[in-house]
Amino acid sequence: MTPHQRSRAGGRPPALDRHRGGRTRSVRPAECADPRTYLPTLLSRPGSVHLAARDTIGRIVAVGHLMPDHTGVEAALLVEDSWQGSGLGTRLLCHVGHHAPAGGP
């Protein structure tokens, strides 16, 4: 963050907008949980599948997750902006989907 951005935010990082239930709430990054505190739990959830796609120099450019819970299975994808529209997300979702349990969890 530049000094100008920090001074405009009152010395704090700028707020992120979170939308939930039709309402918007500003959230400061300090209020967001540190991923190191919850990622190990998410990534080790029984039945979960996590895939990553790398470019030709080895950078991760897309990730896909399949995470079952008590009521269903959630699939999540993240594709780097410069790779969007290339079909990579569709291919990744297809690979993640092959691991979905038949008939639900």
PDB file of N, CA and C in Angstrom:
ATOM      1  N   MET A   1       0.849  -1.159   0.000  1.00  0.00           N
ATOM      2  CA  MET A   1       0.000   0.000   0.000  1.00  0.00           C
ATOM      3  C   MET A   1       0.901   1.229   0.000  1.00  0.00           C
ATOM      4  N   THR A   2       0.567   2.193  -0.841  1.00  0.00           N
ATOM      5  CA  THR A   2       1.364   3.408  -0.900  1.00  0.00           C
ATOM      6  C   THR A   2       1.050   4.291   0.307  1.00  0.00           C
ATOM      7  N   PRO A   3       1.959   5.207   0.681  1.00  0.00           N
ATOM      8  CA  PRO A   3       1.673   6.121   1.785  1.00  0.00           C
ATOM      9  C   PRO A   3       0.403   6.937   1.526  1.00  0.00           C
ATOM     10  N   HIS A   4       0.172   7.310   0.252  1.00  0.00           N
ATOM     11  CA  HIS A   4      -1.026   8.082  -0.081  1.00  0.00           C
ATOM     12  C   HIS A   4      -2.288   7.277   0.213  1.00  0.00           C
ATOM     13  N   GLN A   5      -2.297   6.002  -0.176  1.00  0.00           N
ATOM     14  CA  GLN A   5      -3.462   5.159   0.087  1.00  0.00           C
ATOM     15  C   GLN A   5      -3.674   4.978   1.583  1.00  0.00           C
ATOM     16  N   ARG A   6      -2.590   4.796   2.332  1.00  0.00           N
ATOM     17  CA  ARG A   6      -2.702   4.598   3.769  1.00  0.00           C
ATOM     18  C   ARG A   6      -3.222   5.860   4.447  1.00  0.00           C
ATOM     19  N   SER A   7      -2.769   7.041   4.013  1.00  0.00           N
ATOM     20  CA  SER A   7      -3.244   8.270   4.643  1.00  0.00           C
ATOM     21  C   SER A   7      -4.716   8.506   4.332  1.00  0.00           C
ATOM     22  N   ARG A   8      -5.165   8.148   3.132  1.00  0.00           N
ATOM     23  CA  ARG A   8      -6.585   8.297   2.787  1.00  0.00           C
ATOM     24  C   ARG A   8      -7.445   7.356   3.606  1.00  0.00           C
ATOM     25  N   ALA A   9      -6.880   6.223   4.038  1.00  0.00           N
ATOM     26  CA  ALA A   9      -7.630   5.242   4.815  1.00  0.00           C
ATOM     27  C   ALA A   9      -7.435   5.459   6.313  1.00  0.00           C
ATOM     28  N   GLY A  10      -6.926   6.638   6.701  1.00  0.00           N
ATOM     29  CA  GLY A  10      -6.722   6.907   8.116  1.00  0.00           C
ATOM     30  C   GLY A  10      -5.606   6.078   8.718  1.00  0.00           C
ATOM     31  N   GLY A  11      -4.582   5.755   7.909  1.00  0.00           N
ATOM     32  CA  GLY A  11      -3.472   4.960   8.397  1.00  0.00           C
ATOM     33  C   GLY A  11      -3.738   3.467   8.378  1.00  0.00           C
ATOM     34  N   ARG A  12      -4.922   3.064   7.975  1.00  0.00           N
ATOM     35  CA  ARG A  12      -5.283   1.653   7.919  1.00  0.00           C
ATOM     36  C   ARG A  12      -5.366   1.209   6.470  1.00  0.00           C
ATOM     37  N   PRO A  13      -5.244  -0.094   6.221  1.00  0.00           N
ATOM     38  CA  PRO A  13      -5.437  -0.579   4.854  1.00  0.00           C
ATOM     39  C   PRO A  13      -6.847  -0.248   4.381  1.00  0.00           C
ATOM     40  N   PRO A  14      -7.058  -0.075   3.066  1.00  0.00           N
ATOM     41  CA  PRO A  14      -8.396   0.242   2.576  1.00  0.00           C
ATOM     42  C   PRO A  14      -9.367  -0.896   2.858  1.00  0.00           C
ATOM     43  N   ALA A  15     -10.641  -0.551   2.971  1.00  0.00           N
ATOM     44  CA  ALA A  15     -11.673  -1.541   3.278  1.00  0.00           C
ATOM     45  C   ALA A  15     -12.006  -2.374   2.054  1.00  0.00           C
ATOM     46  N   LEU A  16     -12.405  -3.592   2.297  1.00  0.00           N
ATOM     47  CA  LEU A  16     -12.927  -4.476   1.266  1.00  0.00           C
ATOM     48  C   LEU A  16     -14.432  -4.519   1.457  1.00  0.00           C
ATOM     49  N   ASP A  17     -15.178  -4.606   0.370  1.00  0.00           N
ATOM     50  CA  ASP A  17     -16.630  -4.717   0.486  1.00  0.00           C
ATOM     51  C   ASP A  17     -17.013  -6.184   0.438  1.00  0.00           C
ATOM     52  N   ARG A  18     -17.820  -6.577   1.417  1.00  0.00           N
ATOM     53  CA  ARG A  18     -18.308  -7.956   1.467  1.00  0.00           C
ATOM     54  C   ARG A  18     -19.819  -7.907   1.316  1.00  0.00           C
ATOM     55  N   HIS A  19     -20.339  -8.700   0.380  1.00  0.00           N
ATOM     56  CA  HIS A  19     -21.778  -8.738   0.115  1.00  0.00           C
ATOM     57  C   HIS A  19     -22.338 -10.023   0.697  1.00  0.00           C
ATOM     58  N   ARG A  20     -23.365  -9.891   1.489  1.00  0.00           N
ATOM     59  CA  ARG A  20     -24.004 -11.077   2.059  1.00  0.00           C
ATOM     60  C   ARG A  20     -25.457 -10.752   2.346  1.00  0.00           C
ATOM     61  N   GLY A  21     -26.336 -11.622   1.880  1.00  0.00           N
ATOM     62  CA  GLY A  21     -27.750 -11.453   2.163  1.00  0.00           C
ATOM     63  C   GLY A  21     -28.318 -10.147   1.643  1.00  0.00           C
ATOM     64  N   GLY A  22     -27.803  -9.663   0.504  1.00  0.00           N
ATOM     65  CA  GLY A  22     -28.315  -8.433  -0.082  1.00  0.00           C
ATOM     66  C   GLY A  22     -27.788  -7.170   0.576  1.00  0.00           C
ATOM     67  N   ARG A  23     -26.906  -7.321   1.568  1.00  0.00           N
ATOM     68  CA  ARG A  23     -26.340  -6.147   2.241  1.00  0.00           C
ATOM     69  C   ARG A  23     -24.839  -6.092   1.996  1.00  0.00           C
ATOM     70  N   THR A  24     -24.305  -4.893   1.985  1.00  0.00           N
ATOM     71  CA  THR A  24     -22.868  -4.702   1.805  1.00  0.00           C
ATOM     72  C   THR A  24     -22.285  -4.199   3.110  1.00  0.00           C
ATOM     73  N   ARG A  25     -21.170  -4.780   3.507  1.00  0.00           N
ATOM     74  CA  ARG A  25     -20.487  -4.365   4.722  1.00  0.00           C
ATOM     75  C   ARG A  25     -19.023  -4.161   4.382  1.00  0.00           C
ATOM     76  N   SER A  26     -18.457  -3.052   4.815  1.00  0.00           N
ATOM     77  CA  SER A  26     -17.032  -2.824   4.610  1.00  0.00           C
ATOM     78  C   SER A  26     -16.251  -3.583   5.667  1.00  0.00           C
ATOM     79  N   VAL A  27     -15.221  -4.264   5.215  1.00  0.00           N
ATOM     80  CA  VAL A  27     -14.389  -5.057   6.110  1.00  0.00           C
ATOM     81  C   VAL A  27     -12.942  -4.650   5.896  1.00  0.00           C
ATOM     82  N   ARG A  28     -12.249  -4.365   6.957  1.00  0.00           N
ATOM     83  CA  ARG A  28     -10.825  -4.047   6.866  1.00  0.00           C
ATOM     84  C   ARG A  28     -10.042  -5.358   6.870  1.00  0.00           C
ATOM     85  N   PRO A  29      -8.953  -5.443   6.101  1.00  0.00           N
ATOM     86  CA  PRO A  29      -8.182  -6.684   6.060  1.00  0.00           C
ATOM     87  C   PRO A  29      -7.781  -7.196   7.435  1.00  0.00           C
ATOM     88  N   ALA A  30      -7.566  -6.313   8.397  1.00  0.00           N
ATOM     89  CA  ALA A  30      -7.202  -6.770   9.736  1.00  0.00           C
ATOM     90  C   ALA A  30      -8.318  -7.615  10.346  1.00  0.00           C
ATOM     91  N   GLU A  31      -9.568  -7.425   9.883  1.00  0.00           N
ATOM     92  CA  GLU A  31     -10.687  -8.205  10.391  1.00  0.00           C
ATOM     93  C   GLU A  31     -10.781  -9.560   9.711  1.00  0.00           C
ATOM     94  N   CYS A  32     -10.094  -9.732   8.601  1.00  0.00           N
ATOM     95  CA  CYS A  32     -10.130 -10.990   7.863  1.00  0.00           C
ATOM     96  C   CYS A  32      -9.190 -11.978   8.542  1.00  0.00           C
ATOM     97  N   ALA A  33      -9.586 -13.228   8.569  1.00  0.00           N
ATOM     98  CA  ALA A  33      -8.756 -14.254   9.192  1.00  0.00           C
ATOM     99  C   ALA A  33      -7.496 -14.499   8.373  1.00  0.00           C
ATOM    100  N   ASP A  34      -6.430 -14.793   9.053  1.00  0.00           N
ATOM    101  CA  ASP A  34      -5.174 -15.148   8.409  1.00  0.00           C
ATOM    102  C   ASP A  34      -5.341 -16.532   7.785  1.00  0.00           C
ATOM    103  N   PRO A  35      -5.131 -16.675   6.468  1.00  0.00           N
ATOM    104  CA  PRO A  35      -5.330 -17.979   5.816  1.00  0.00           C
ATOM    105  C   PRO A  35      -4.552 -19.112   6.474  1.00  0.00           C
ATOM    106  N   ARG A  36      -3.433 -18.807   7.091  1.00  0.00           N
ATOM    107  CA  ARG A  36      -2.651 -19.866   7.734  1.00  0.00           C
ATOM    108  C   ARG A  36      -3.403 -20.489   8.907  1.00  0.00           C
ATOM    109  N   THR A  37      -4.431 -19.785   9.411  1.00  0.00           N
ATOM    110  CA  THR A  37      -5.188 -20.324  10.538  1.00  0.00           C
ATOM    111  C   THR A  37      -6.308 -21.258  10.106  1.00  0.00           C
ATOM    112  N   TYR A  38      -6.788 -21.166   8.874  1.00  0.00           N
ATOM    113  CA  TYR A  38      -7.902 -22.013   8.457  1.00  0.00           C
ATOM    114  C   TYR A  38      -7.610 -22.905   7.250  1.00  0.00           C
ATOM    115  N   LEU A  39      -6.605 -22.584   6.444  1.00  0.00           N
ATOM    116  CA  LEU A  39      -6.324 -23.407   5.267  1.00  0.00           C
ATOM    117  C   LEU A  39      -5.966 -24.856   5.601  1.00  0.00           C
ATOM    118  N   PRO A  40      -5.133 -25.111   6.605  1.00  0.00           N
ATOM    119  CA  PRO A  40      -4.834 -26.521   6.895  1.00  0.00           C
ATOM    120  C   PRO A  40      -6.095 -27.338   7.190  1.00  0.00           C
ATOM    121  N   THR A  41      -7.047 -26.754   7.889  1.00  0.00           N
ATOM    122  CA  THR A  41      -8.291 -27.458   8.190  1.00  0.00           C
ATOM    123  C   THR A  41      -9.091 -27.708   6.923  1.00  0.00           C
ATOM    124  N   LEU A  42      -9.220 -26.682   6.074  1.00  0.00           N
ATOM    125  CA  LEU A  42      -9.976 -26.846   4.828  1.00  0.00           C
ATOM    126  C   LEU A  42      -9.322 -27.857   3.905  1.00  0.00           C
ATOM    127  N   LEU A  43      -8.014 -27.767   3.755  1.00  0.00           N
ATOM    128  CA  LEU A  43      -7.315 -28.626   2.808  1.00  0.00           C
ATOM    129  C   LEU A  43      -7.230 -30.071   3.269  1.00  0.00           C
ATOM    130  N   SER A  44      -7.417 -30.316   4.549  1.00  0.00           N
ATOM    131  CA  SER A  44      -7.345 -31.697   5.043  1.00  0.00           C
ATOM    132  C   SER A  44      -8.730 -32.284   5.309  1.00  0.00           C
ATOM    133  N   ARG A  45      -9.786 -31.587   4.909  1.00  0.00           N
ATOM    134  CA  ARG A  45     -11.140 -32.098   5.108  1.00  0.00           C
ATOM    135  C   ARG A  45     -11.279 -33.433   4.372  1.00  0.00           C
ATOM    136  N   PRO A  46     -11.777 -34.475   5.055  1.00  0.00           N
ATOM    137  CA  PRO A  46     -11.932 -35.785   4.396  1.00  0.00           C
ATOM    138  C   PRO A  46     -12.782 -35.665   3.131  1.00  0.00           C
ATOM    139  N   GLY A  47     -12.302 -36.270   2.064  1.00  0.00           N
ATOM    140  CA  GLY A  47     -13.027 -36.254   0.801  1.00  0.00           C
ATOM    141  C   GLY A  47     -12.782 -35.035  -0.064  1.00  0.00           C
ATOM    142  N   SER A  48     -11.994 -34.080   0.434  1.00  0.00           N
ATOM    143  CA  SER A  48     -11.747 -32.882  -0.372  1.00  0.00           C
ATOM    144  C   SER A  48     -10.669 -33.156  -1.418  1.00  0.00           C
ATOM    145  N   VAL A  49     -10.772 -32.423  -2.525  1.00  0.00           N
ATOM    146  CA  VAL A  49      -9.829 -32.556  -3.633  1.00  0.00           C
ATOM    147  C   VAL A  49      -9.366 -31.154  -3.997  1.00  0.00           C
ATOM    148  N   HIS A  50      -8.080 -30.982  -4.200  1.00  0.00           N
ATOM    149  CA  HIS A  50      -7.517 -29.677  -4.536  1.00  0.00           C
ATOM    150  C   HIS A  50      -6.554 -29.856  -5.700  1.00  0.00           C
ATOM    151  N   LEU A  51      -6.793 -29.124  -6.775  1.00  0.00           N
ATOM    152  CA  LEU A  51      -5.957 -29.213  -7.970  1.00  0.00           C
ATOM    153  C   LEU A  51      -5.432 -27.831  -8.331  1.00  0.00           C
ATOM    154  N   ALA A  52      -4.266 -27.784  -8.937  1.00  0.00           N
ATOM    155  CA  ALA A  52      -3.689 -26.527  -9.390  1.00  0.00           C
ATOM    156  C   ALA A  52      -3.173 -26.705 -10.814  1.00  0.00           C
ATOM    157  N   ALA A  53      -3.247 -25.640 -11.588  1.00  0.00           N
ATOM    158  CA  ALA A  53      -2.707 -25.631 -12.949  1.00  0.00           C
ATOM    159  C   ALA A  53      -1.525 -24.670 -12.987  1.00  0.00           C
ATOM    160  N   ARG A  54      -0.464 -25.083 -13.616  1.00  0.00           N
ATOM    161  CA  ARG A  54       0.750 -24.257 -13.714  1.00  0.00           C
ATOM    162  C   ARG A  54       0.979 -23.853 -15.167  1.00  0.00           C
ATOM    163  N   ASP A  55       1.599 -22.696 -15.327  1.00  0.00           N
ATOM    164  CA  ASP A  55       1.973 -22.281 -16.680  1.00  0.00           C
ATOM    165  C   ASP A  55       3.313 -22.920 -17.041  1.00  0.00           C
ATOM    166  N   THR A  56       3.856 -22.558 -18.193  1.00  0.00           N
ATOM    167  CA  THR A  56       5.077 -23.209 -18.682  1.00  0.00           C
ATOM    168  C   THR A  56       6.307 -22.916 -17.833  1.00  0.00           C
ATOM    169  N   ILE A  57       6.261 -21.861 -16.996  1.00  0.00           N
ATOM    170  CA  ILE A  57       7.417 -21.584 -16.127  1.00  0.00           C
ATOM    171  C   ILE A  57       7.159 -22.013 -14.684  1.00  0.00           C
ATOM    172  N   GLY A  58       6.035 -22.705 -14.460  1.00  0.00           N
ATOM    173  CA  GLY A  58       5.783 -23.283 -13.152  1.00  0.00           C
ATOM    174  C   GLY A  58       4.938 -22.457 -12.196  1.00  0.00           C
ATOM    175  N   ARG A  59       4.483 -21.273 -12.626  1.00  0.00           N
ATOM    176  CA  ARG A  59       3.625 -20.460 -11.752  1.00  0.00           C
ATOM    177  C   ARG A  59       2.231 -21.062 -11.695  1.00  0.00           C
ATOM    178  N   ILE A  60       1.630 -21.087 -10.512  1.00  0.00           N
ATOM    179  CA  ILE A  60       0.244 -21.536 -10.397  1.00  0.00           C
ATOM    180  C   ILE A  60      -0.653 -20.443 -10.957  1.00  0.00           C
ATOM    181  N   VAL A  61      -1.478 -20.807 -11.960  1.00  0.00           N
ATOM    182  CA  VAL A  61      -2.347 -19.822 -12.613  1.00  0.00           C
ATOM    183  C   VAL A  61      -3.829 -20.119 -12.382  1.00  0.00           C
ATOM    184  N   ALA A  62      -4.121 -21.278 -11.804  1.00  0.00           N
ATOM    185  CA  ALA A  62      -5.514 -21.615 -11.505  1.00  0.00           C
ATOM    186  C   ALA A  62      -5.545 -22.691 -10.429  1.00  0.00           C
ATOM    187  N   VAL A  63      -6.566 -22.636  -9.591  1.00  0.00           N
ATOM    188  CA  VAL A  63      -6.772 -23.667  -8.584  1.00  0.00           C
ATOM    189  C   VAL A  63      -8.241 -24.066  -8.580  1.00  0.00           C
ATOM    190  N   GLY A  64      -8.480 -25.305  -8.254  1.00  0.00           N
ATOM    191  CA  GLY A  64      -9.842 -25.819  -8.127  1.00  0.00           C
ATOM    192  C   GLY A  64      -9.947 -26.627  -6.856  1.00  0.00           C
ATOM    193  N   HIS A  65     -11.060 -26.489  -6.174  1.00  0.00           N
ATOM    194  CA  HIS A  65     -11.278 -27.195  -4.917  1.00  0.00           C
ATOM    195  C   HIS A  65     -12.643 -27.862  -4.948  1.00  0.00           C
ATOM    196  N   LEU A  66     -12.720 -29.030  -4.384  1.00  0.00           N
ATOM    197  CA  LEU A  66     -13.974 -29.738  -4.171  1.00  0.00           C
ATOM    198  C   LEU A  66     -14.004 -30.059  -2.681  1.00  0.00           C
ATOM    199  N   MET A  67     -14.989 -29.508  -1.984  1.00  0.00           N
ATOM    200  CA  MET A  67     -15.026 -29.658  -0.532  1.00  0.00           C
ATOM    201  C   MET A  67     -16.396 -30.132  -0.076  1.00  0.00           C
ATOM    202  N   PRO A  68     -16.502 -31.389   0.337  1.00  0.00           N
ATOM    203  CA  PRO A  68     -17.774 -31.895   0.828  1.00  0.00           C
ATOM    204  C   PRO A  68     -18.030 -31.429   2.258  1.00  0.00           C
ATOM    205  N   ASP A  69     -19.302 -31.309   2.595  1.00  0.00           N
ATOM    206  CA  ASP A  69     -19.685 -31.066   3.976  1.00  0.00           C
ATOM    207  C   ASP A  69     -20.877 -31.965   4.285  1.00  0.00           C
ATOM    208  N   HIS A  70     -21.590 -31.698   5.341  1.00  0.00           N
ATOM    209  CA  HIS A  70     -22.681 -32.580   5.756  1.00  0.00           C
ATOM    210  C   HIS A  70     -23.880 -32.546   4.821  1.00  0.00           C
ATOM    211  N   THR A  71     -24.006 -31.485   4.032  1.00  0.00           N
ATOM    212  CA  THR A  71     -25.207 -31.332   3.209  1.00  0.00           C
ATOM    213  C   THR A  71     -24.961 -31.395   1.709  1.00  0.00           C
ATOM    214  N   GLY A  72     -23.730 -31.362   1.288  1.00  0.00           N
ATOM    215  CA  GLY A  72     -23.458 -31.367  -0.149  1.00  0.00           C
ATOM    216  C   GLY A  72     -21.977 -31.243  -0.422  1.00  0.00           C
ATOM    217  N   VAL A  73     -21.672 -30.834  -1.622  1.00  0.00           N
ATOM    218  CA  VAL A  73     -20.289 -30.661  -2.054  1.00  0.00           C
ATOM    219  C   VAL A  73     -20.167 -29.299  -2.716  1.00  0.00           C
ATOM    220  N   GLU A  74     -19.147 -28.557  -2.357  1.00  0.00           N
ATOM    221  CA  GLU A  74     -18.912 -27.238  -2.944  1.00  0.00           C
ATOM    222  C   GLU A  74     -17.686 -27.289  -3.829  1.00  0.00           C
ATOM    223  N   ALA A  75     -17.813 -26.754  -5.029  1.00  0.00           N
ATOM    224  CA  ALA A  75     -16.680 -26.622  -5.936  1.00  0.00           C
ATOM    225  C   ALA A  75     -16.318 -25.145  -6.013  1.00  0.00           C
ATOM    226  N   ALA A  76     -15.038 -24.851  -5.963  1.00  0.00           N
ATOM    227  CA  ALA A  76     -14.571 -23.476  -6.059  1.00  0.00           C
ATOM    228  C   ALA A  76     -13.417 -23.419  -7.053  1.00  0.00           C
ATOM    229  N   LEU A  77     -13.413 -22.379  -7.876  1.00  0.00           N
ATOM    230  CA  LEU A  77     -12.358 -22.189  -8.869  1.00  0.00           C
ATOM    231  C   LEU A  77     -11.801 -20.785  -8.767  1.00  0.00           C
ATOM    232  N   LEU A  78     -10.528 -20.649  -9.028  1.00  0.00           N
ATOM    233  CA  LEU A  78      -9.892 -19.345  -9.118  1.00  0.00           C
ATOM    234  C   LEU A  78      -8.914 -19.414 -10.278  1.00  0.00           C
ATOM    235  N   VAL A  79      -9.109 -18.527 -11.264  1.00  0.00           N
ATOM    236  CA  VAL A  79      -8.261 -18.505 -12.452  1.00  0.00           C
ATOM    237  C   VAL A  79      -7.676 -17.107 -12.572  1.00  0.00           C
ATOM    238  N   GLU A  80      -6.363 -17.033 -12.725  1.00  0.00           N
ATOM    239  CA  GLU A  80      -5.683 -15.746 -12.890  1.00  0.00           C
ATOM    240  C   GLU A  80      -6.310 -14.992 -14.066  1.00  0.00           C
ATOM    241  N   ASP A  81      -6.452 -13.679 -13.904  1.00  0.00           N
ATOM    242  CA  ASP A  81      -7.123 -12.860 -14.920  1.00  0.00           C
ATOM    243  C   ASP A  81      -6.607 -13.102 -16.331  1.00  0.00           C
ATOM    244  N   SER A  82      -5.306 -13.160 -16.505  1.00  0.00           N
ATOM    245  CA  SER A  82      -4.747 -13.291 -17.853  1.00  0.00           C
ATOM    246  C   SER A  82      -5.047 -14.658 -18.482  1.00  0.00           C
ATOM    247  N   TRP A  83      -5.504 -15.621 -17.709  1.00  0.00           N
ATOM    248  CA  TRP A  83      -5.841 -16.944 -18.224  1.00  0.00           C
ATOM    249  C   TRP A  83      -7.346 -17.137 -18.392  1.00  0.00           C
ATOM    250  N   GLN A  84      -8.129 -16.180 -17.952  1.00  0.00           N
ATOM    251  CA  GLN A  84      -9.574 -16.312 -18.086  1.00  0.00           C
ATOM    252  C   GLN A  84      -9.971 -16.256 -19.558  1.00  0.00           C
ATOM    253  N   GLY A  85     -10.985 -17.032 -19.911  1.00  0.00           N
ATOM    254  CA  GLY A  85     -11.437 -17.096 -21.299  1.00  0.00           C
ATOM    255  C   GLY A  85     -10.676 -18.104 -22.139  1.00  0.00           C
ATOM    256  N   SER A  86      -9.711 -18.788 -21.529  1.00  0.00           N
ATOM    257  CA  SER A  86      -8.913 -19.767 -22.287  1.00  0.00           C
ATOM    258  C   SER A  86      -9.452 -21.185 -22.165  1.00  0.00           C
ATOM    259  N   GLY A  87     -10.488 -21.378 -21.362  1.00  0.00           N
ATOM    260  CA  GLY A  87     -11.031 -22.713 -21.145  1.00  0.00           C
ATOM    261  C   GLY A  87     -10.382 -23.449 -19.995  1.00  0.00           C
ATOM    262  N   LEU A  88      -9.403 -22.831 -19.355  1.00  0.00           N
ATOM    263  CA  LEU A  88      -8.687 -23.483 -18.258  1.00  0.00           C
ATOM    264  C   LEU A  88      -9.616 -23.767 -17.075  1.00  0.00           C
ATOM    265  N   GLY A  89     -10.463 -22.823 -16.715  1.00  0.00           N
ATOM    266  CA  GLY A  89     -11.396 -23.030 -15.608  1.00  0.00           C
ATOM    267  C   GLY A  89     -12.361 -24.166 -15.890  1.00  0.00           C
ATOM    268  N   THR A  90     -12.841 -24.248 -17.116  1.00  0.00           N
ATOM    269  CA  THR A  90     -13.757 -25.323 -17.514  1.00  0.00           C
ATOM    270  C   THR A  90     -13.063 -26.675 -17.405  1.00  0.00           C
ATOM    271  N   ARG A  91     -11.836 -26.753 -17.889  1.00  0.00           N
ATOM    272  CA  ARG A  91     -11.086 -28.012 -17.808  1.00  0.00           C
ATOM    273  C   ARG A  91     -10.808 -28.394 -16.359  1.00  0.00           C
ATOM    274  N   LEU A  92     -10.460 -27.404 -15.548  1.00  0.00           N
ATOM    275  CA  LEU A  92     -10.177 -27.663 -14.144  1.00  0.00           C
ATOM    276  C   LEU A  92     -11.437 -28.146 -13.424  1.00  0.00           C
ATOM    277  N   LEU A  93     -12.575 -27.513 -13.697  1.00  0.00           N
ATOM    278  CA  LEU A  93     -13.839 -27.924 -13.093  1.00  0.00           C
ATOM    279  C   LEU A  93     -14.187 -29.357 -13.501  1.00  0.00           C
ATOM    280  N   CYS A  94     -13.934 -29.703 -14.743  1.00  0.00           N
ATOM    281  CA  CYS A  94     -14.192 -31.062 -15.220  1.00  0.00           C
ATOM    282  C   CYS A  94     -13.344 -32.065 -14.433  1.00  0.00           C
ATOM    283  N   HIS A  95     -12.072 -31.763 -14.242  1.00  0.00           N
ATOM    284  CA  HIS A  95     -11.182 -32.664 -13.495  1.00  0.00           C
ATOM    285  C   HIS A  95     -11.616 -32.759 -12.033  1.00  0.00           C
ATOM    286  N   VAL A  96     -11.967 -31.631 -11.430  1.00  0.00           N
ATOM    287  CA  VAL A  96     -12.425 -31.645 -10.040  1.00  0.00           C
ATOM    288  C   VAL A  96     -13.730 -32.419  -9.949  1.00  0.00           C
ATOM    289  N   GLY A  97     -14.621 -32.238 -10.926  1.00  0.00           N
ATOM    290  CA  GLY A  97     -15.920 -32.906 -10.919  1.00  0.00           C
ATOM    291  C   GLY A  97     -15.823 -34.415 -10.991  1.00  0.00           C
ATOM    292  N   HIS A  98     -14.758 -34.929 -11.591  1.00  0.00           N
ATOM    293  CA  HIS A  98     -14.580 -36.375 -11.666  1.00  0.00           C
ATOM    294  C   HIS A  98     -14.423 -36.994 -10.269  1.00  0.00           C
ATOM    295  N   HIS A  99     -14.060 -36.166  -9.293  1.00  0.00           N
ATOM    296  CA  HIS A  99     -13.861 -36.645  -7.936  1.00  0.00           C
ATOM    297  C   HIS A  99     -15.099 -36.491  -7.061  1.00  0.00           C
ATOM    298  N   ALA A 100     -16.153 -35.881  -7.605  1.00  0.00           N
ATOM    299  CA  ALA A 100     -17.379 -35.685  -6.819  1.00  0.00           C
ATOM    300  C   ALA A 100     -18.009 -37.039  -6.514  1.00  0.00           C
ATOM    301  N   PRO A 101     -18.468 -37.212  -5.280  1.00  0.00           N
ATOM    302  CA  PRO A 101     -19.099 -38.491  -4.952  1.00  0.00           C
ATOM    303  C   PRO A 101     -20.420 -38.662  -5.703  1.00  0.00           C
ATOM    304  N   ALA A 102     -20.673 -39.836  -6.203  1.00  0.00           N
ATOM    305  CA  ALA A 102     -21.922 -40.119  -6.901  1.00  0.00           C
ATOM    306  C   ALA A 102     -23.083 -40.066  -5.899  1.00  0.00           C
ATOM    307  N   GLY A 103     -24.084 -39.278  -6.217  1.00  0.00           N
ATOM    308  CA  GLY A 103     -25.258 -39.195  -5.351  1.00  0.00           C
ATOM    309  C   GLY A 103     -25.064 -38.357  -4.119  1.00  0.00           C
ATOM    310  N   GLY A 104     -23.980 -37.598  -4.030  1.00  0.00           N
ATOM    311  CA  GLY A 104     -23.753 -36.724  -2.868  1.00  0.00           C
ATOM    312  C   GLY A 104     -22.856 -37.379  -1.837  1.00  0.00           C
ATOM    313  N   PRO A 105     -22.556 -36.618  -0.783  1.00  0.00           N
ATOM    314  CA  PRO A 105     -21.603 -37.118   0.233  1.00  0.00           C
ATOM    315  C   PRO A 105     -22.176 -38.255   1.051  1.00  0.00           C
TER     316      PRO A 105
END
